């Protein structure tokens, strides 16, 4: 999947989980900058899995720390 499409879909997912548009930045950390808590993370992961048609393993979730990490993960797994 092309990078622009991944970013566009990812940003839509952030908006669905309640993240304000002006906070979404590639360098933003999910917990600290976007204020994603455990409940939001559950919704976020659900949207990622359904939108990108993939399964995220529990050990991979801990690697999703920032928006950039999430983009890199999706680029690797949505080839």
C-alpha atoms as a PDB file:
ATOM      1  CA  UNK A   1       0.000   0.000   0.000  1.00  0.00           C
ATOM      2  CA  UNK A   2       1.342   3.414  -0.857  1.00  0.00           C
ATOM      3  CA  UNK A   3       2.582   5.722   1.872  1.00  0.00           C
ATOM      4  CA  UNK A   4       0.103   8.536   1.204  1.00  0.00           C
ATOM      5  CA  UNK A   5      -2.853   6.160   1.441  1.00  0.00           C
ATOM      6  CA  UNK A   6      -1.533   4.684   4.707  1.00  0.00           C
ATOM      7  CA  UNK A   7      -1.129   8.153   6.226  1.00  0.00           C
ATOM      8  CA  UNK A   8      -4.549   9.310   5.068  1.00  0.00           C
ATOM      9  CA  UNK A   9      -6.294   6.243   6.488  1.00  0.00           C
ATOM     10  CA  UNK A  10      -4.278   6.379   9.699  1.00  0.00           C
ATOM     11  CA  UNK A  11      -5.155  10.041  10.264  1.00  0.00           C
ATOM     12  CA  UNK A  12      -8.840   9.192   9.729  1.00  0.00           C
ATOM     13  CA  UNK A  13      -8.533   6.497  12.384  1.00  0.00           C
ATOM     14  CA  UNK A  14      -7.007   8.995  14.806  1.00  0.00           C
ATOM     15  CA  UNK A  15      -9.947  11.321  14.164  1.00  0.00           C
ATOM     16  CA  UNK A  16     -12.409   8.442  14.782  1.00  0.00           C
ATOM     17  CA  UNK A  17     -10.772   7.777  18.144  1.00  0.00           C
ATOM     18  CA  UNK A  18     -11.277  11.405  19.153  1.00  0.00           C
ATOM     19  CA  UNK A  19      -7.830  12.869  18.540  1.00  0.00           C
ATOM     20  CA  UNK A  20      -8.084  16.555  17.563  1.00  0.00           C
ATOM     21  CA  UNK A  21      -6.844  17.242  14.043  1.00  0.00           C
ATOM     22  CA  UNK A  22      -4.278  19.812  15.147  1.00  0.00           C
ATOM     23  CA  UNK A  23      -2.525  17.305  17.455  1.00  0.00           C
ATOM     24  CA  UNK A  24      -1.881  14.709  14.755  1.00  0.00           C
ATOM     25  CA  UNK A  25       1.756  14.962  13.756  1.00  0.00           C
ATOM     26  CA  UNK A  26       4.246  12.338  12.640  1.00  0.00           C
ATOM     27  CA  UNK A  27       6.427  12.982  15.708  1.00  0.00           C
ATOM     28  CA  UNK A  28       3.523  12.849  18.174  1.00  0.00           C
ATOM     29  CA  UNK A  29       3.594  10.142  20.820  1.00  0.00           C
ATOM     30  CA  UNK A  30       0.325   8.258  21.200  1.00  0.00           C
ATOM     31  CA  UNK A  31       0.096   8.472  24.999  1.00  0.00           C
ATOM     32  CA  UNK A  32       1.819  11.754  25.744  1.00  0.00           C
ATOM     33  CA  UNK A  33       0.855  13.984  22.819  1.00  0.00           C
ATOM     34  CA  UNK A  34      -2.369  12.445  21.519  1.00  0.00           C
ATOM     35  CA  UNK A  35      -3.650  11.434  24.975  1.00  0.00           C
ATOM     36  CA  UNK A  36      -4.597   7.912  23.884  1.00  0.00           C
ATOM     37  CA  UNK A  37      -5.411   5.876  27.002  1.00  0.00           C
ATOM     38  CA  UNK A  38      -6.052   2.122  27.267  1.00  0.00           C
ATOM     39  CA  UNK A  39      -9.676   2.390  26.126  1.00  0.00           C
ATOM     40  CA  UNK A  40      -8.758   4.618  23.191  1.00  0.00           C
ATOM     41  CA  UNK A  41      -5.935   2.224  22.302  1.00  0.00           C
ATOM     42  CA  UNK A  42      -8.385  -0.673  22.144  1.00  0.00           C
ATOM     43  CA  UNK A  43     -10.564   1.270  19.700  1.00  0.00           C
ATOM     44  CA  UNK A  44      -7.500   2.453  17.796  1.00  0.00           C
ATOM     45  CA  UNK A  45      -6.215  -1.114  17.364  1.00  0.00           C
ATOM     46  CA  UNK A  46      -9.656  -2.317  16.272  1.00  0.00           C
ATOM     47  CA  UNK A  47      -9.831   0.397  13.605  1.00  0.00           C
ATOM     48  CA  UNK A  48      -6.278  -0.378  12.461  1.00  0.00           C
ATOM     49  CA  UNK A  49      -7.015  -4.079  12.129  1.00  0.00           C
ATOM     50  CA  UNK A  50     -10.304  -3.634  10.300  1.00  0.00           C
ATOM     51  CA  UNK A  51      -9.273  -0.731   8.087  1.00  0.00           C
ATOM     52  CA  UNK A  52      -5.934  -2.240   7.035  1.00  0.00           C
ATOM     53  CA  UNK A  53      -7.137  -5.869   7.157  1.00  0.00           C
ATOM     54  CA  UNK A  54      -4.385  -7.153   9.437  1.00  0.00           C
ATOM     55  CA  UNK A  55      -3.846  -8.715  12.858  1.00  0.00           C
ATOM     56  CA  UNK A  56      -1.660  -6.946  15.388  1.00  0.00           C
ATOM     57  CA  UNK A  57      -0.006  -9.282  17.876  1.00  0.00           C
ATOM     58  CA  UNK A  58       0.194  -8.288  21.536  1.00  0.00           C
ATOM     59  CA  UNK A  59       3.985  -8.003  21.435  1.00  0.00           C
ATOM     60  CA  UNK A  60       3.729  -5.631  18.460  1.00  0.00           C
ATOM     61  CA  UNK A  61       1.355  -3.254  20.246  1.00  0.00           C
ATOM     62  CA  UNK A  62       4.099  -2.116  22.626  1.00  0.00           C
ATOM     63  CA  UNK A  63       6.153  -0.990  19.612  1.00  0.00           C
ATOM     64  CA  UNK A  64       3.464   1.485  18.538  1.00  0.00           C
ATOM     65  CA  UNK A  65       4.666   4.448  20.576  1.00  0.00           C
ATOM     66  CA  UNK A  66       4.357   7.298  18.080  1.00  0.00           C
ATOM     67  CA  UNK A  67       2.559   8.156  14.875  1.00  0.00           C
ATOM     68  CA  UNK A  68       5.822   7.489  12.987  1.00  0.00           C
ATOM     69  CA  UNK A  69       6.129   4.030  14.586  1.00  0.00           C
ATOM     70  CA  UNK A  70       2.578   3.248  13.507  1.00  0.00           C
ATOM     71  CA  UNK A  71       3.224   4.412   9.938  1.00  0.00           C
ATOM     72  CA  UNK A  72       6.396   2.304   9.775  1.00  0.00           C
ATOM     73  CA  UNK A  73       4.512  -0.715  11.137  1.00  0.00           C
ATOM     74  CA  UNK A  74       1.744  -0.318   8.574  1.00  0.00           C
ATOM     75  CA  UNK A  75       4.190   0.126   5.697  1.00  0.00           C
ATOM     76  CA  UNK A  76       5.884  -3.118   6.714  1.00  0.00           C
ATOM     77  CA  UNK A  77       2.680  -5.129   7.183  1.00  0.00           C
ATOM     78  CA  UNK A  78       0.498  -3.722   4.392  1.00  0.00           C
ATOM     79  CA  UNK A  79       2.785  -4.440   1.465  1.00  0.00           C
END
